[in-house]
Amino acid sequence: HAPRRTTSHENWVIFKGDFGNSYDGILIRPCRSIHTFFLKYPLDVIFLDQNKHICRIYSHLKPFRITPLIPSAQMVLELMGGTLLPSMAQKGDIVIFLDREPDRS
């Protein structure tokens, strides 16, 4: 199932959905680096360029960490740690966002 947009702002969008487990995500733009200060859980982090190609992936980024600056990144998708399986996404893949729930019939 694809995530659905639940809240949006000019610089960020929050997603909710279900890939077998509940998850939440946030898309932040513009963004070339993040920190996980004060979080109590790890994140799966996907940096995307202007065409939504994956530039870099951090799986299970632990709390109180800082990513390096990713010069080619224009946005970042933050997901709960463990959301991404190694086979789900890799550098160079294109991420497609849907503004509505897909037809499930």
Protein backbone atom coordinates (compact mmCIF):
# COMPACT_ATOMS: atom_id res chain seq x y z
CA HIS A 1 0.00 0.00 0.00
CA ALA A 2 1.24 3.47 -0.81
CA PRO A 3 1.44 6.16 1.85
CA ARG A 4 -1.25 8.81 1.91
CA ARG A 5 -0.67 12.48 2.59
CA THR A 6 -2.22 13.55 5.87
CA THR A 7 -0.74 16.96 6.65
CA SER A 8 1.24 19.33 4.49
CA HIS A 9 3.04 22.64 4.68
CA GLU A 10 5.17 24.52 2.17
CA ASN A 11 8.37 22.84 3.40
CA TRP A 12 7.19 19.49 4.73
CA VAL A 13 4.59 16.77 4.26
CA ILE A 14 3.60 14.06 6.74
CA PHE A 15 2.52 10.65 5.43
CA LYS A 16 0.66 7.78 7.05
CA GLY A 17 0.12 4.35 5.58
CA ASP A 18 0.59 0.64 5.99
CA PHE A 19 3.22 -1.73 4.57
CA GLY A 20 2.09 -4.51 6.89
CA ASN A 21 3.12 -2.41 9.87
CA SER A 22 1.94 1.06 10.74
CA TYR A 23 4.40 3.84 9.95
CA ASP A 24 4.62 7.57 9.72
CA GLY A 25 6.90 9.61 7.51
CA ILE A 26 7.83 13.20 6.90
CA LEU A 27 9.20 14.76 3.71
CA ILE A 28 11.31 17.87 4.38
CA ARG A 29 12.37 20.27 1.65
CA PRO A 30 14.73 21.86 1.09
CA CYS A 31 17.05 19.62 3.08
CA ARG A 32 20.61 18.34 2.59
CA SER A 33 21.42 17.07 6.08
CA ILE A 34 19.52 16.02 9.20
CA HIS A 35 20.13 15.31 12.86
CA THR A 36 18.40 12.92 15.21
CA PHE A 37 19.02 14.87 18.41
CA PHE A 38 16.47 14.18 21.14
CA LEU A 39 14.82 11.29 19.29
CA LYS A 40 14.24 8.09 21.22
CA TYR A 41 14.12 5.79 18.19
CA PRO A 42 16.10 5.22 14.97
CA LEU A 43 15.01 6.53 11.57
CA ASP A 44 15.24 5.23 8.03
CA VAL A 45 16.29 8.26 5.98
CA ILE A 46 16.13 8.73 2.21
CA PHE A 47 17.79 11.76 0.61
CA LEU A 48 16.31 12.71 -2.77
CA ASP A 49 17.50 15.01 -5.56
CA GLN A 50 15.25 17.49 -7.40
CA ASN A 51 13.92 14.68 -9.63
CA LYS A 52 13.18 12.46 -6.62
CA HIS A 53 16.06 10.08 -7.38
CA ILE A 54 17.53 8.53 -4.25
CA CYS A 55 20.94 10.08 -3.47
CA ARG A 56 21.64 8.36 -0.16
CA ILE A 57 19.89 6.02 2.28
CA TYR A 58 20.55 5.69 6.00
CA SER A 59 18.92 2.65 7.56
CA HIS A 60 18.33 2.68 11.32
CA LEU A 61 20.01 6.05 11.90
CA LYS A 62 20.35 6.12 15.68
CA PRO A 63 19.35 8.99 17.96
CA PHE A 64 21.82 11.84 18.54
CA ARG A 65 23.49 11.49 15.13
CA ILE A 66 24.12 13.99 12.30
CA THR A 67 24.28 13.02 8.64
CA PRO A 68 26.92 14.58 6.43
CA LEU A 69 25.87 17.24 3.95
CA ILE A 70 24.54 15.55 0.79
CA PRO A 71 25.21 18.20 -1.92
CA SER A 72 22.92 16.61 -4.54
CA ALA A 73 19.98 16.28 -2.14
CA GLN A 74 17.03 18.63 -2.31
CA MET A 75 14.73 16.85 0.16
CA VAL A 76 14.69 14.07 2.71
CA LEU A 77 12.10 11.45 3.56
CA GLU A 78 12.25 10.35 7.21
CA LEU A 79 10.55 7.08 8.16
CA MET A 80 10.42 5.06 11.35
CA GLY A 81 13.47 2.82 11.66
CA GLY A 82 12.81 -0.62 10.17
CA THR A 83 10.29 0.63 7.60
CA LEU A 84 12.65 0.07 4.67
CA LEU A 85 13.88 -3.37 3.82
CA PRO A 86 17.20 -3.53 1.94
CA SER A 87 15.40 -4.71 -1.20
CA MET A 88 12.82 -1.89 -1.17
CA ALA A 89 14.97 1.05 -2.27
CA GLN A 90 18.49 1.77 -3.46
CA LYS A 91 20.55 4.67 -4.72
CA GLY A 92 19.28 5.86 -8.12
CA ASP A 93 15.70 4.65 -7.64
CA ILE A 94 12.92 7.19 -8.16
CA VAL A 95 10.44 7.78 -5.35
CA ILE A 96 6.87 8.49 -6.46
CA PHE A 97 4.44 10.22 -4.11
CA LEU A 98 0.69 9.81 -4.46
CA ASP A 99 -1.68 12.55 -3.35
CA ARG A 100 -4.49 10.09 -2.76
CA GLU A 101 -5.06 6.53 -1.71
CA PRO A 102 -4.58 4.08 -4.59
CA ASP A 103 -7.60 2.16 -5.86
CA ARG A 104 -7.62 -1.12 -3.90
CA SER A 105 -10.19 -2.95 -6.00
